[in-house]
C-alpha atoms as a PDB file:
ATOM      1  CA  MET A   1      49.258  -5.113   5.109  1.00  0.00           C
ATOM      2  CA  THR A   2      50.692  -5.570   1.640  1.00  0.00           C
ATOM      3  CA  ILE A   3      49.006  -7.244  -1.330  1.00  0.00           C
ATOM      4  CA  ALA A   4      51.151 -10.311  -0.675  1.00  0.00           C
ATOM      5  CA  ASP A   5      49.987 -10.382   2.952  1.00  0.00           C
ATOM      6  CA  LEU A   6      46.380 -10.120   1.818  1.00  0.00           C
ATOM      7  CA  ARG A   7      46.834 -13.000  -0.629  1.00  0.00           C
ATOM      8  CA  ARG A   8      48.340 -15.147   2.098  1.00  0.00           C
ATOM      9  CA  ALA A   9      45.505 -14.253   4.465  1.00  0.00           C
ATOM     10  CA  LEU A  10      42.942 -15.146   1.783  1.00  0.00           C
ATOM     11  CA  SER A  11      44.575 -18.481   1.087  1.00  0.00           C
ATOM     12  CA  ARG A  12      44.710 -19.351   4.777  1.00  0.00           C
ATOM     13  CA  SER A  13      41.351 -18.056   5.964  1.00  0.00           C
ATOM     14  CA  TRP A  14      38.982 -17.753   3.000  1.00  0.00           C
ATOM     15  CA  VAL A  15      36.420 -19.824   4.897  1.00  0.00           C
ATOM     16  CA  LEU A  16      36.548 -17.326   7.761  1.00  0.00           C
ATOM     17  CA  LEU A  17      36.133 -14.498   5.241  1.00  0.00           C
ATOM     18  CA  LEU A  18      33.036 -16.187   3.822  1.00  0.00           C
ATOM     19  CA  VAL A  19      31.584 -16.605   7.313  1.00  0.00           C
ATOM     20  CA  PHE A  20      32.213 -12.960   8.213  1.00  0.00           C
ATOM     21  CA  VAL A  21      30.696 -11.664   4.960  1.00  0.00           C
ATOM     22  CA  LEU A  22      27.611 -13.892   5.276  1.00  0.00           C
ATOM     23  CA  LEU A  23      27.092 -12.901   8.908  1.00  0.00           C
ATOM     24  CA  GLY A  24      27.443  -9.231   7.973  1.00  0.00           C
ATOM     25  CA  ALA A  25      24.945  -9.574   5.120  1.00  0.00           C
ATOM     26  CA  LEU A  26      22.528 -11.399   7.424  1.00  0.00           C
ATOM     27  CA  ALA A  27      22.857  -8.651  10.015  1.00  0.00           C
ATOM     28  CA  GLY A  28      22.103  -6.043   7.340  1.00  0.00           C
ATOM     29  CA  LEU A  29      19.034  -7.992   6.203  1.00  0.00           C
ATOM     30  CA  LEU A  30      17.736  -8.398   9.762  1.00  0.00           C
ATOM     31  CA  GLY A  31      18.319  -4.720  10.470  1.00  0.00           C
ATOM     32  CA  SER A  32      16.307  -3.815   7.384  1.00  0.00           C
ATOM     33  CA  LEU A  33      13.480  -6.213   8.296  1.00  0.00           C
ATOM     34  CA  LEU A  34      13.307  -5.134  11.936  1.00  0.00           C
ATOM     35  CA  SER A  35      13.442  -1.402  11.289  1.00  0.00           C
ATOM     36  CA  PRO A  36      10.201   0.461  12.155  1.00  0.00           C
ATOM     37  CA  ALA A  37       7.648   0.119   9.360  1.00  0.00           C
ATOM     38  CA  SER A  38       7.164   3.279   7.311  1.00  0.00           C
ATOM     39  CA  TYR A  39       5.117   3.705   4.134  1.00  0.00           C
ATOM     40  CA  GLN A  40       5.088   6.353   1.421  1.00  0.00           C
ATOM     41  CA  SER A  41       2.503   7.440  -1.125  1.00  0.00           C
ATOM     42  CA  THR A  42       3.146   9.947  -3.907  1.00  0.00           C
ATOM     43  CA  ALA A  43       0.962  12.200  -6.039  1.00  0.00           C
ATOM     44  CA  ARG A  44       1.537  14.894  -8.644  1.00  0.00           C
ATOM     45  CA  THR A  45      -0.458  18.066  -9.308  1.00  0.00           C
ATOM     46  CA  THR A  46      -0.130  21.070 -11.611  1.00  0.00           C
ATOM     47  CA  VAL A  47      -1.165  24.620 -10.808  1.00  0.00           C
ATOM     48  CA  SER A  48      -2.574  25.962 -14.077  1.00  0.00           C
ATOM     49  CA  ALA A  49      -4.589  28.813 -15.537  1.00  0.00           C
ATOM     50  CA  ASN A  50      -8.317  28.157 -16.023  1.00  0.00           C
ATOM     51  CA  SER A  51      -9.345  30.037 -19.163  1.00  0.00           C
ATOM     52  CA  THR A  52     -12.729  29.466 -20.755  1.00  0.00           C
ATOM     53  CA  GLU A  53     -12.669  32.362 -23.206  1.00  0.00           C
ATOM     54  CA  GLY A  54      -9.612  31.450 -25.293  1.00  0.00           C
ATOM     55  CA  ASP A  55      -8.025  34.826 -24.461  1.00  0.00           C
ATOM     56  CA  VAL A  56      -4.330  34.094 -25.062  1.00  0.00           C
ATOM     57  CA  GLY A  57      -3.161  37.335 -23.452  1.00  0.00           C
ATOM     58  CA  ALA A  58      -5.141  36.721 -20.277  1.00  0.00           C
ATOM     59  CA  LEU A  59      -3.985  33.091 -20.179  1.00  0.00           C
ATOM     60  CA  TYR A  60      -0.350  34.202 -20.431  1.00  0.00           C
ATOM     61  CA  GLN A  61      -0.765  36.765 -17.639  1.00  0.00           C
ATOM     62  CA  VAL A  62      -2.365  34.221 -15.301  1.00  0.00           C
ATOM     63  CA  THR A  63       0.346  31.664 -16.052  1.00  0.00           C
ATOM     64  CA  GLN A  64       3.065  34.183 -15.262  1.00  0.00           C
ATOM     65  CA  ALA A  65       1.282  35.144 -12.036  1.00  0.00           C
ATOM     66  CA  ILE A  66       1.108  31.455 -11.076  1.00  0.00           C
ATOM     67  CA  ARG A  67       4.891  31.097 -11.539  1.00  0.00           C
ATOM     68  CA  VAL A  68       5.440  34.053  -9.225  1.00  0.00           C
ATOM     69  CA  MET A  69       2.993  32.623  -6.677  1.00  0.00           C
ATOM     70  CA  MET A  70       4.433  29.089  -6.622  1.00  0.00           C
ATOM     71  CA  PRO A  71       6.219  29.530  -3.246  1.00  0.00           C
ATOM     72  CA  GLN A  72       2.884  30.634  -1.792  1.00  0.00           C
ATOM     73  CA  TYR A  73       1.070  27.634  -3.277  1.00  0.00           C
ATOM     74  CA  THR A  74       3.744  25.311  -1.878  1.00  0.00           C
ATOM     75  CA  SER A  75       3.318  26.781   1.590  1.00  0.00           C
ATOM     76  CA  TRP A  76      -0.459  26.285   1.344  1.00  0.00           C
ATOM     77  CA  ALA A  77       0.050  22.644   0.370  1.00  0.00           C
ATOM     78  CA  THR A  78       2.050  22.014   3.551  1.00  0.00           C
ATOM     79  CA  SER A  79       0.002  24.290   5.803  1.00  0.00           C
ATOM     80  CA  GLU A  80      -1.618  23.128   9.025  1.00  0.00           C
ATOM     81  CA  GLU A  81      -4.994  24.153   7.616  1.00  0.00           C
ATOM     82  CA  VAL A  82      -4.701  21.674   4.718  1.00  0.00           C
ATOM     83  CA  ARG A  83      -3.340  18.988   7.057  1.00  0.00           C
ATOM     84  CA  GLN A  84      -6.221  19.267   9.521  1.00  0.00           C
ATOM     85  CA  LYS A  85      -8.857  19.235   6.774  1.00  0.00           C
ATOM     86  CA  ALA A  86      -7.193  16.150   5.244  1.00  0.00           C
ATOM     87  CA  LEU A  87      -7.080  14.339   8.600  1.00  0.00           C
ATOM     88  CA  THR A  88     -10.776  14.994   9.133  1.00  0.00           C
ATOM     89  CA  ALA A  89     -11.794  14.034   5.598  1.00  0.00           C
ATOM     90  CA  ALA A  90      -9.704  10.839   5.608  1.00  0.00           C
ATOM     91  CA  GLY A  91     -10.713   9.867   9.138  1.00  0.00           C
ATOM     92  CA  VAL A  92      -7.137   9.075  10.232  1.00  0.00           C
ATOM     93  CA  GLN A  93      -5.251   9.894  13.411  1.00  0.00           C
ATOM     94  CA  ASP A  94      -2.640  12.620  13.426  1.00  0.00           C
ATOM     95  CA  GLU A  95       0.072  10.381  14.947  1.00  0.00           C
ATOM     96  CA  GLY A  96      -0.271   7.904  12.068  1.00  0.00           C
ATOM     97  CA  ILE A  97       0.951  10.472   9.523  1.00  0.00           C
ATOM     98  CA  SER A  98       4.589  11.494   9.794  1.00  0.00           C
ATOM     99  CA  GLY A  99       4.336  14.338   7.311  1.00  0.00           C
ATOM    100  CA  THR A 100       4.041  15.468   3.712  1.00  0.00           C
ATOM    101  CA  ASP A 101       6.884  16.794   1.587  1.00  0.00           C
ATOM    102  CA  ILE A 102       6.318  18.940  -1.497  1.00  0.00           C
ATOM    103  CA  ALA A 103       8.914  19.102  -4.256  1.00  0.00           C
ATOM    104  CA  SER A 104       8.932  21.458  -7.215  1.00  0.00           C
ATOM    105  CA  SER A 105      11.415  22.589  -9.839  1.00  0.00           C
ATOM    106  CA  PRO A 106      12.308  26.219 -10.618  1.00  0.00           C
ATOM    107  CA  ASP A 107      10.018  27.772 -13.217  1.00  0.00           C
ATOM    108  CA  SER A 108       7.718  24.769 -12.959  1.00  0.00           C
ATOM    109  CA  THR A 109       4.124  24.730 -11.744  1.00  0.00           C
ATOM    110  CA  VAL A 110       4.191  20.980 -11.000  1.00  0.00           C
ATOM    111  CA  LEU A 111       4.106  19.868  -7.362  1.00  0.00           C
ATOM    112  CA  THR A 112       5.198  16.367  -6.367  1.00  0.00           C
ATOM    113  CA  TRP A 113       3.677  15.177  -3.090  1.00  0.00           C
ATOM    114  CA  THR A 114       5.156  12.515  -0.789  1.00  0.00           C
ATOM    115  CA  THR A 115       3.317  11.482   2.363  1.00  0.00           C
ATOM    116  CA  THR A 116       4.852   9.160   4.972  1.00  0.00           C
ATOM    117  CA  GLY A 117       3.045   7.234   7.695  1.00  0.00           C
ATOM    118  CA  THR A 118       2.741   3.936   9.540  1.00  0.00           C
ATOM    119  CA  ASP A 119      -0.365   2.490   7.842  1.00  0.00           C
ATOM    120  CA  PRO A 120      -0.314   2.125   4.031  1.00  0.00           C
ATOM    121  CA  ALA A 121      -4.064   2.493   3.549  1.00  0.00           C
ATOM    122  CA  GLU A 122      -4.294   5.582   5.787  1.00  0.00           C
ATOM    123  CA  VAL A 123      -1.279   7.168   4.084  1.00  0.00           C
ATOM    124  CA  GLN A 124      -2.928   6.895   0.659  1.00  0.00           C
ATOM    125  CA  LYS A 125      -6.284   8.182   1.944  1.00  0.00           C
ATOM    126  CA  PHE A 126      -4.633  11.092   3.699  1.00  0.00           C
ATOM    127  CA  LEU A 127      -2.685  12.112   0.588  1.00  0.00           C
ATOM    128  CA  ASP A 128      -5.818  12.056  -1.584  1.00  0.00           C
ATOM    129  CA  ALA A 129      -7.599  14.179   1.038  1.00  0.00           C
ATOM    130  CA  SER A 130      -4.625  16.579   1.207  1.00  0.00           C
ATOM    131  CA  VAL A 131      -4.717  17.158  -2.553  1.00  0.00           C
ATOM    132  CA  ALA A 132      -8.476  17.797  -2.362  1.00  0.00           C
ATOM    133  CA  ALA A 133      -8.027  20.240   0.544  1.00  0.00           C
ATOM    134  CA  PHE A 134      -5.293  22.013  -1.391  1.00  0.00           C
ATOM    135  CA  GLN A 135      -7.576  22.329  -4.422  1.00  0.00           C
ATOM    136  CA  GLU A 136     -10.253  23.843  -2.234  1.00  0.00           C
ATOM    137  CA  ARG A 137      -7.763  26.285  -0.680  1.00  0.00           C
ATOM    138  CA  VAL A 138      -6.434  27.462  -4.065  1.00  0.00           C
ATOM    139  CA  HIS A 139      -9.931  27.825  -5.590  1.00  0.00           C
ATOM    140  CA  SER A 140     -11.164  29.848  -2.643  1.00  0.00           C
ATOM    141  CA  ALA A 141      -8.213  32.250  -2.853  1.00  0.00           C
ATOM    142  CA  SER A 142      -8.106  32.532  -6.651  1.00  0.00           C
ATOM    143  CA  PRO A 143      -9.377  35.623  -8.495  1.00  0.00           C
ATOM    144  CA  ARG A 144     -12.539  34.918 -10.502  1.00  0.00           C
ATOM    145  CA  ALA A 145     -13.693  35.609 -13.979  1.00  0.00           C
ATOM    146  CA  GLU A 146     -17.421  35.218 -14.686  1.00  0.00           C
ATOM    147  CA  GLY A 147     -17.704  33.454 -11.319  1.00  0.00           C
ATOM    148  CA  GLN A 148     -15.023  30.866 -12.056  1.00  0.00           C
ATOM    149  CA  PRO A 149     -11.556  30.741 -10.428  1.00  0.00           C
ATOM    150  CA  VAL A 150      -8.811  31.672 -12.880  1.00  0.00           C
ATOM    151  CA  VAL A 151      -6.382  29.296 -11.148  1.00  0.00           C
ATOM    152  CA  THR A 152      -7.086  25.594 -10.900  1.00  0.00           C
ATOM    153  CA  ILE A 153      -5.326  22.481  -9.649  1.00  0.00           C
ATOM    154  CA  GLN A 154      -5.004  19.573 -12.056  1.00  0.00           C
ATOM    155  CA  VAL A 155      -4.350  16.151 -10.547  1.00  0.00           C
ATOM    156  CA  ASP A 156      -1.823  14.579 -12.903  1.00  0.00           C
ATOM    157  CA  ALA A 157      -1.309  11.475 -10.735  1.00  0.00           C
ATOM    158  CA  PRO A 158      -3.540  10.634  -7.773  1.00  0.00           C
ATOM    159  CA  ALA A 159      -2.124   9.182  -4.577  1.00  0.00           C
ATOM    160  CA  SER A 160      -0.327   5.941  -5.345  1.00  0.00           C
ATOM    161  CA  PRO A 161      -0.684   2.782  -3.215  1.00  0.00           C
ATOM    162  CA  ALA A 162       1.677   3.261  -0.291  1.00  0.00           C
ATOM    163  CA  GLU A 163       4.902   1.271  -0.385  1.00  0.00           C
ATOM    164  CA  ARG A 164       7.254   0.422   2.430  1.00  0.00           C
ATOM    165  CA  ALA A 165       9.987   3.029   2.750  1.00  0.00           C
ATOM    166  CA  SER A 166      13.389   2.755   4.399  1.00  0.00           C
ATOM    167  CA  LEU A 167      16.256   5.121   5.090  1.00  0.00           C
ATOM    168  CA  ILE A 168      18.502   2.502   3.487  1.00  0.00           C
ATOM    169  CA  PRO A 169      17.115   0.256   0.715  1.00  0.00           C
ATOM    170  CA  ARG A 170      17.237  -3.424   1.622  1.00  0.00           C
ATOM    171  CA  PRO A 171      19.807  -4.391  -1.055  1.00  0.00           C
ATOM    172  CA  LEU A 172      22.047  -1.567   0.131  1.00  0.00           C
ATOM    173  CA  ALA A 173      21.616  -2.654   3.782  1.00  0.00           C
ATOM    174  CA  ILE A 174      22.688  -6.188   2.840  1.00  0.00           C
ATOM    175  CA  ALA A 175      25.663  -4.867   0.859  1.00  0.00           C
ATOM    176  CA  LEU A 176      26.736  -2.616   3.744  1.00  0.00           C
ATOM    177  CA  GLY A 177      26.457  -5.534   6.169  1.00  0.00           C
ATOM    178  CA  ALA A 178      28.629  -7.674   3.903  1.00  0.00           C
ATOM    179  CA  ALA A 179      31.163  -4.825   3.665  1.00  0.00           C
ATOM    180  CA  VAL A 180      31.286  -4.545   7.458  1.00  0.00           C
ATOM    181  CA  GLY A 181      31.818  -8.301   7.627  1.00  0.00           C
ATOM    182  CA  PHE A 182      34.727  -8.006   5.195  1.00  0.00           C
ATOM    183  CA  LEU A 183      36.271  -5.198   7.266  1.00  0.00           C
ATOM    184  CA  ALA A 184      35.907  -7.300  10.419  1.00  0.00           C
ATOM    185  CA  TRP A 185      37.689 -10.192   8.685  1.00  0.00           C
ATOM    186  CA  LEU A 186      40.381  -7.801   7.445  1.00  0.00           C
ATOM    187  CA  PHE A 187      40.960  -6.593  11.023  1.00  0.00           C
ATOM    188  CA  VAL A 188      41.359 -10.181  12.201  1.00  0.00           C
ATOM    189  CA  ALA A 189      43.655 -10.942   9.267  1.00  0.00           C
ATOM    190  CA  LEU A 190      45.770  -7.874  10.035  1.00  0.00           C
ATOM    191  CA  SER A 191      46.072  -8.917  13.667  1.00  0.00           C
ATOM    192  CA  ARG A 192      47.074 -12.425  12.690  1.00  0.00           C
ATOM    193  CA  SER A 193      49.527 -11.158  10.087  1.00  0.00           C
ATOM    194  CA  HIS A 194      51.175  -8.921  12.673  1.00  0.00           C
ATOM    195  CA  ASP A 195      51.320 -11.711  15.239  1.00  0.00           C
ATOM    196  CA  ASP A 196      52.868 -14.038  12.679  1.00  0.00           C
ATOM    197  CA  LYS A 197      55.742 -11.590  12.264  1.00  0.00           C
ATOM    198  CA  LEU A 198      56.608 -11.549  15.974  1.00  0.00           C
ATOM    199  CA  ALA A 199      59.244 -13.801  17.483  1.00  0.00           C
ATOM    200  CA  TYR A 200      57.294 -16.226  19.662  1.00  0.00           C
ATOM    201  CA  ASN A 201      59.453 -19.347  19.562  1.00  0.00           C
ATOM    202  CA  PRO A 202      62.853 -20.454  18.263  1.00  0.00           C
ATOM    203  CA  GLU A 203      61.426 -22.302  15.247  1.00  0.00           C
ATOM    204  CA  GLU A 204      59.665 -19.186  13.956  1.00  0.00           C
ATOM    205  CA  VAL A 205      62.802 -17.088  14.427  1.00  0.00           C
ATOM    206  CA  GLU A 206      65.017 -19.572  12.607  1.00  0.00           C
ATOM    207  CA  LYS A 207      62.568 -19.845   9.710  1.00  0.00           C
ATOM    208  CA  ALA A 208      62.079 -16.089   9.337  1.00  0.00           C
ATOM    209  CA  LEU A 209      65.677 -14.921   9.835  1.00  0.00           C
ATOM    210  CA  ASP A 210      67.604 -17.989   8.719  1.00  0.00           C
ATOM    211  CA  ALA A 211      69.464 -17.734  12.029  1.00  0.00           C
ATOM    212  CA  VAL A 212      70.350 -20.409  14.578  1.00  0.00           C
ATOM    213  CA  VAL A 213      68.616 -19.921  17.931  1.00  0.00           C
ATOM    214  CA  VAL A 214      71.086 -21.427  20.412  1.00  0.00           C
ATOM    215  CA  SER A 215      69.197 -20.856  23.641  1.00  0.00           C
ATOM    216  CA  GLU A 216      66.218 -19.212  25.261  1.00  0.00           C
ATOM    217  CA  LEU A 217      66.355 -16.986  28.345  1.00  0.00           C
ATOM    218  CA  ARG A 218      63.554 -17.774  30.772  1.00  0.00           C
ATOM    219  CA  GLY A 219      62.475 -16.227  34.030  1.00  0.00           C
ATOM    220  CA  ASP A 220      64.164 -18.423  36.640  1.00  0.00           C
ATOM    221  CA  ALA A 221      67.877 -18.018  37.442  1.00  0.00           C
ATOM    222  CA  SER A 222      68.886 -21.633  36.850  1.00  0.00           C
ATOM    223  CA  SER A 223      67.330 -21.653  33.362  1.00  0.00           C
ATOM    224  CA  ARG A 224      69.054 -18.407  32.466  1.00  0.00           C
ATOM    225  CA  ARG A 225      72.416 -19.753  33.624  1.00  0.00           C
ATOM    226  CA  ARG A 226      72.023 -22.857  31.472  1.00  0.00           C
ATOM    227  CA  ALA A 227      70.991 -20.683  28.504  1.00  0.00           C
ATOM    228  CA  TRP A 228      74.153 -18.559  28.813  1.00  0.00           C
ATOM    229  CA  GLN A 229      76.236 -21.708  29.089  1.00  0.00           C
ATOM    230  CA  TYR A 230      74.713 -23.192  25.920  1.00  0.00           C
ATOM    231  CA  LEU A 231      75.371 -19.941  24.134  1.00  0.00           C
ATOM    232  CA  ALA A 232      78.944 -19.709  25.460  1.00  0.00           C
ATOM    233  CA  SER A 233      79.661 -23.280  24.401  1.00  0.00           C
ATOM    234  CA  PHE A 234      78.409 -22.533  20.879  1.00  0.00           C
ATOM    235  CA  MET A 235      80.492 -19.371  20.575  1.00  0.00           C
ATOM    236  CA  SER A 236      83.711 -20.714  22.146  1.00  0.00           C
ATOM    237  CA  GLU A 237      83.742 -23.705  19.794  1.00  0.00           C
ATOM    238  CA  ARG A 238      83.535 -21.412  16.763  1.00  0.00           C
ATOM    239  CA  SER A 239      85.595 -18.380  17.709  1.00  0.00           C
ATOM    240  CA  ALA A 240      88.878 -17.469  19.301  1.00  0.00           C
ATOM    241  CA  PRO A 241      89.013 -15.372  22.473  1.00  0.00           C
ATOM    242  CA  GLY A 242      88.420 -11.724  21.760  1.00  0.00           C
ATOM    243  CA  PRO A 243      85.645  -9.136  21.691  1.00  0.00           C
ATOM    244  CA  VAL A 244      82.088 -10.509  21.513  1.00  0.00           C
ATOM    245  CA  LEU A 245      79.159  -8.225  20.662  1.00  0.00           C
ATOM    246  CA  LEU A 246      75.787  -8.759  22.364  1.00  0.00           C
ATOM    247  CA  LEU A 247      73.183  -6.979  20.212  1.00  0.00           C
ATOM    248  CA  GLY A 248      69.679  -6.084  21.314  1.00  0.00           C
ATOM    249  CA  THR A 249      66.877  -5.106  18.939  1.00  0.00           C
ATOM    250  CA  GLY A 250      64.634  -2.520  20.586  1.00  0.00           C
ATOM    251  CA  SER A 251      67.213  -1.520  23.195  1.00  0.00           C
ATOM    252  CA  THR A 252      70.766  -2.261  24.296  1.00  0.00           C
ATOM    253  CA  PRO A 253      71.102  -5.406  26.472  1.00  0.00           C
ATOM    254  CA  SER A 254      71.857  -4.765  30.116  1.00  0.00           C
ATOM    255  CA  SER A 255      75.373  -4.858  31.554  1.00  0.00           C
ATOM    256  CA  SER A 256      74.226  -7.771  33.696  1.00  0.00           C
ATOM    257  CA  ASP A 257      73.442  -9.825  30.570  1.00  0.00           C
ATOM    258  CA  ALA A 258      76.826  -8.958  29.079  1.00  0.00           C
ATOM    259  CA  ALA A 259      78.592  -9.926  32.319  1.00  0.00           C
ATOM    260  CA  GLN A 260      76.787 -13.256  32.546  1.00  0.00           C
ATOM    261  CA  LEU A 261      77.695 -14.146  28.958  1.00  0.00           C
ATOM    262  CA  GLU A 262      81.333 -13.164  29.550  1.00  0.00           C
ATOM    263  CA  THR A 263      81.486 -15.362  32.669  1.00  0.00           C
ATOM    264  CA  ALA A 264      79.961 -18.294  30.800  1.00  0.00           C
ATOM    265  CA  LEU A 265      82.475 -17.855  27.944  1.00  0.00           C
ATOM    266  CA  ALA A 266      85.386 -17.895  30.409  1.00  0.00           C
ATOM    267  CA  GLU A 267      84.057 -21.058  32.059  1.00  0.00           C
ATOM    268  CA  CYS A 268      83.460 -22.892  28.777  1.00  0.00           C
ATOM    269  CA  SER A 269      86.719 -21.890  27.069  1.00  0.00           C
ATOM    270  CA  GLY A 270      89.001 -21.848  30.101  1.00  0.00           C
ATOM    271  CA  SER A 271      90.232 -18.465  28.894  1.00  0.00           C
ATOM    272  CA  ASP A 272      89.643 -14.966  30.161  1.00  0.00           C
ATOM    273  CA  GLY A 273      90.272 -13.481  26.738  1.00  0.00           C
ATOM    274  CA  TYR A 274      86.612 -12.910  25.876  1.00  0.00           C
ATOM    275  CA  ARG A 275      85.245  -9.410  26.423  1.00  0.00           C
ATOM    276  CA  VAL A 276      81.510  -8.902  25.905  1.00  0.00           C
ATOM    277  CA  THR A 277      80.162  -5.466  24.965  1.00  0.00           C
ATOM    278  CA  SER A 278      76.542  -4.476  24.349  1.00  0.00           C
ATOM    279  CA  GLY A 279      75.030  -2.717  21.368  1.00  0.00           C
ATOM    280  CA  ARG A 280      71.760  -2.180  19.516  1.00  0.00           C
ATOM    281  CA  LEU A 281      70.899  -3.560  16.090  1.00  0.00           C
ATOM    282  CA  GLY A 282      70.382  -0.725  13.616  1.00  0.00           C
ATOM    283  CA  ALA A 283      72.561   1.795  15.469  1.00  0.00           C
ATOM    284  CA  ALA A 284      75.035   3.866  13.479  1.00  0.00           C
ATOM    285  CA  THR A 285      78.044   1.990  14.918  1.00  0.00           C
ATOM    286  CA  THR A 286      76.594  -1.520  14.618  1.00  0.00           C
ATOM    287  CA  SER A 287      78.412  -2.467  11.391  1.00  0.00           C
ATOM    288  CA  THR A 288      81.761  -1.337  12.776  1.00  0.00           C
ATOM    289  CA  GLN A 289      81.233  -3.212  16.056  1.00  0.00           C
ATOM    290  CA  VAL A 290      80.150  -6.410  14.274  1.00  0.00           C
ATOM    291  CA  ALA A 291      83.143  -6.301  11.937  1.00  0.00           C
ATOM    292  CA  ALA A 292      85.553  -5.918  14.875  1.00  0.00           C
ATOM    293  CA  ALA A 293      84.031  -8.725  16.974  1.00  0.00           C
ATOM    294  CA  THR A 294      85.145 -12.341  16.942  1.00  0.00           C
ATOM    295  CA  GLY A 295      81.517 -13.336  17.459  1.00  0.00           C
ATOM    296  CA  THR A 296      78.080 -11.712  17.567  1.00  0.00           C
ATOM    297  CA  VAL A 297      75.037 -12.654  19.636  1.00  0.00           C
ATOM    298  CA  LEU A 298      71.620 -11.301  18.642  1.00  0.00           C
ATOM    299  CA  MET A 299      69.104 -11.081  21.494  1.00  0.00           C
ATOM    300  CA  LEU A 300      65.454 -11.057  20.370  1.00  0.00           C
ATOM    301  CA  THR A 301      62.557 -10.239  22.673  1.00  0.00           C
ATOM    302  CA  GLN A 302      59.770 -12.809  22.539  1.00  0.00           C
ATOM    303  CA  GLY A 303      56.468 -11.472  21.191  1.00  0.00           C
ATOM    304  CA  LYS A 304      57.755  -7.970  20.447  1.00  0.00           C
ATOM    305  CA  ASP A 305      60.217  -8.144  17.571  1.00  0.00           C
ATOM    306  CA  ASP A 306      58.830  -7.825  14.035  1.00  0.00           C
ATOM    307  CA  LEU A 307      60.671 -10.473  12.078  1.00  0.00           C
ATOM    308  CA  ASP A 308      59.935  -8.893   8.681  1.00  0.00           C
ATOM    309  CA  ALA A 309      61.423  -5.598   9.854  1.00  0.00           C
ATOM    310  CA  LEU A 310      64.453  -7.343  11.362  1.00  0.00           C
ATOM    311  CA  ARG A 311      65.228  -9.497   8.325  1.00  0.00           C
ATOM    312  CA  PRO A 312      67.104  -6.845   6.246  1.00  0.00           C
ATOM    313  CA  GLU A 313      69.025  -5.598   9.293  1.00  0.00           C
ATOM    314  CA  VAL A 314      70.069  -9.125  10.262  1.00  0.00           C
ATOM    315  CA  ARG A 315      71.113  -9.838   6.668  1.00  0.00           C
ATOM    316  CA  SER A 316      73.199  -6.659   6.591  1.00  0.00           C
ATOM    317  CA  MET A 317      74.794  -7.524   9.919  1.00  0.00           C
ATOM    318  CA  ARG A 318      75.776 -11.005   8.764  1.00  0.00           C
ATOM    319  CA  THR A 319      77.483  -9.680   5.631  1.00  0.00           C
ATOM    320  CA  VAL A 320      80.074  -7.809   7.752  1.00  0.00           C
ATOM    321  CA  ALA A 321      80.409 -10.369  10.556  1.00  0.00           C
ATOM    322  CA  LYS A 322      83.786 -12.148  10.570  1.00  0.00           C
ATOM    323  CA  GLY A 323      82.918 -14.554  13.354  1.00  0.00           C
ATOM    324  CA  PRO A 324      79.929 -16.745  14.203  1.00  0.00           C
ATOM    325  CA  VAL A 325      76.483 -15.195  14.645  1.00  0.00           C
ATOM    326  CA  ALA A 326      74.197 -16.776  17.238  1.00  0.00           C
ATOM    327  CA  THR A 327      70.707 -15.865  18.372  1.00  0.00           C
ATOM    328  CA  VAL A 328      69.192 -16.031  21.847  1.00  0.00           C
ATOM    329  CA  LEU A 329      65.467 -15.599  22.459  1.00  0.00           C
ATOM    330  CA  ASP A 330      64.614 -13.511  25.505  1.00  0.00           C
ATOM    331  CA  SER A 331      61.314 -14.672  27.006  1.00  0.00           C
ATOM    332  CA  ARG A 332      61.765 -13.186  30.467  1.00  0.00           C
ATOM    333  CA  ALA A 333      59.229 -10.379  29.990  1.00  0.00           C
END
């Protein structure tokens, strides 16, 4: 589809486009609303040195040791031991908590906690209990100075009220739905644009190719005979006896078609001087054959020939034709 095709499709079916986009956006909204409820709560803690003596050297050594131990602290935060203690302390069921993710940056002692679950109140309670269990775990494992742990956990931000979470934010879900609606409309528009280019009836062919459709070949024998007679009458009135070229588009017309046209020409003109040969539009010898013929007949197949693609070939053929050019629409298939 070209830009011009798209403009034509928009001008003809902008209402349909609006319907498709609105339906797509509505589907995205409903999908977001009906997705399983999930809630998230976040907290932030810092693993820091606990110095009460003001010893700068000792404080530096503990801080460096904490940086080295951060992977271990992260694994404790997500351990099953901390999880079970938090479940017990918060009084929540295990299946109500999907899990807890811990994020930290390199060379940072800050841990960002994110807990996901199905009940917002339980999620927040569980995260608070998890932070407390983690504090207890770190304090119990920390070396001590004068009876106090040298490593402590500072709670920079306690568990936040849980908010509904989604794999796709609702505005994005609506936008994606609208985009799908647009693509669906574009598919329909492409199909219609392609169908519009196909030769379905004589009026469409004449409008697209600026060519006279003299007759239409149908399935029954009597209709086909009349069609050849109409075509022969048209050609014999406008050309002298001589070679006539019967051109197909996708393939060369059958010898039977050529013979029937030749018979009809002899009957209409009262002369046996017409000789009908078959060819294919676009073949290497087409121009030479058309130039040598006293008349040319173009046979189009109904519903299969792309009129836009045929237009330049038909125009080129007519520039070299010395006799009349007629068109017959083949609807036998």
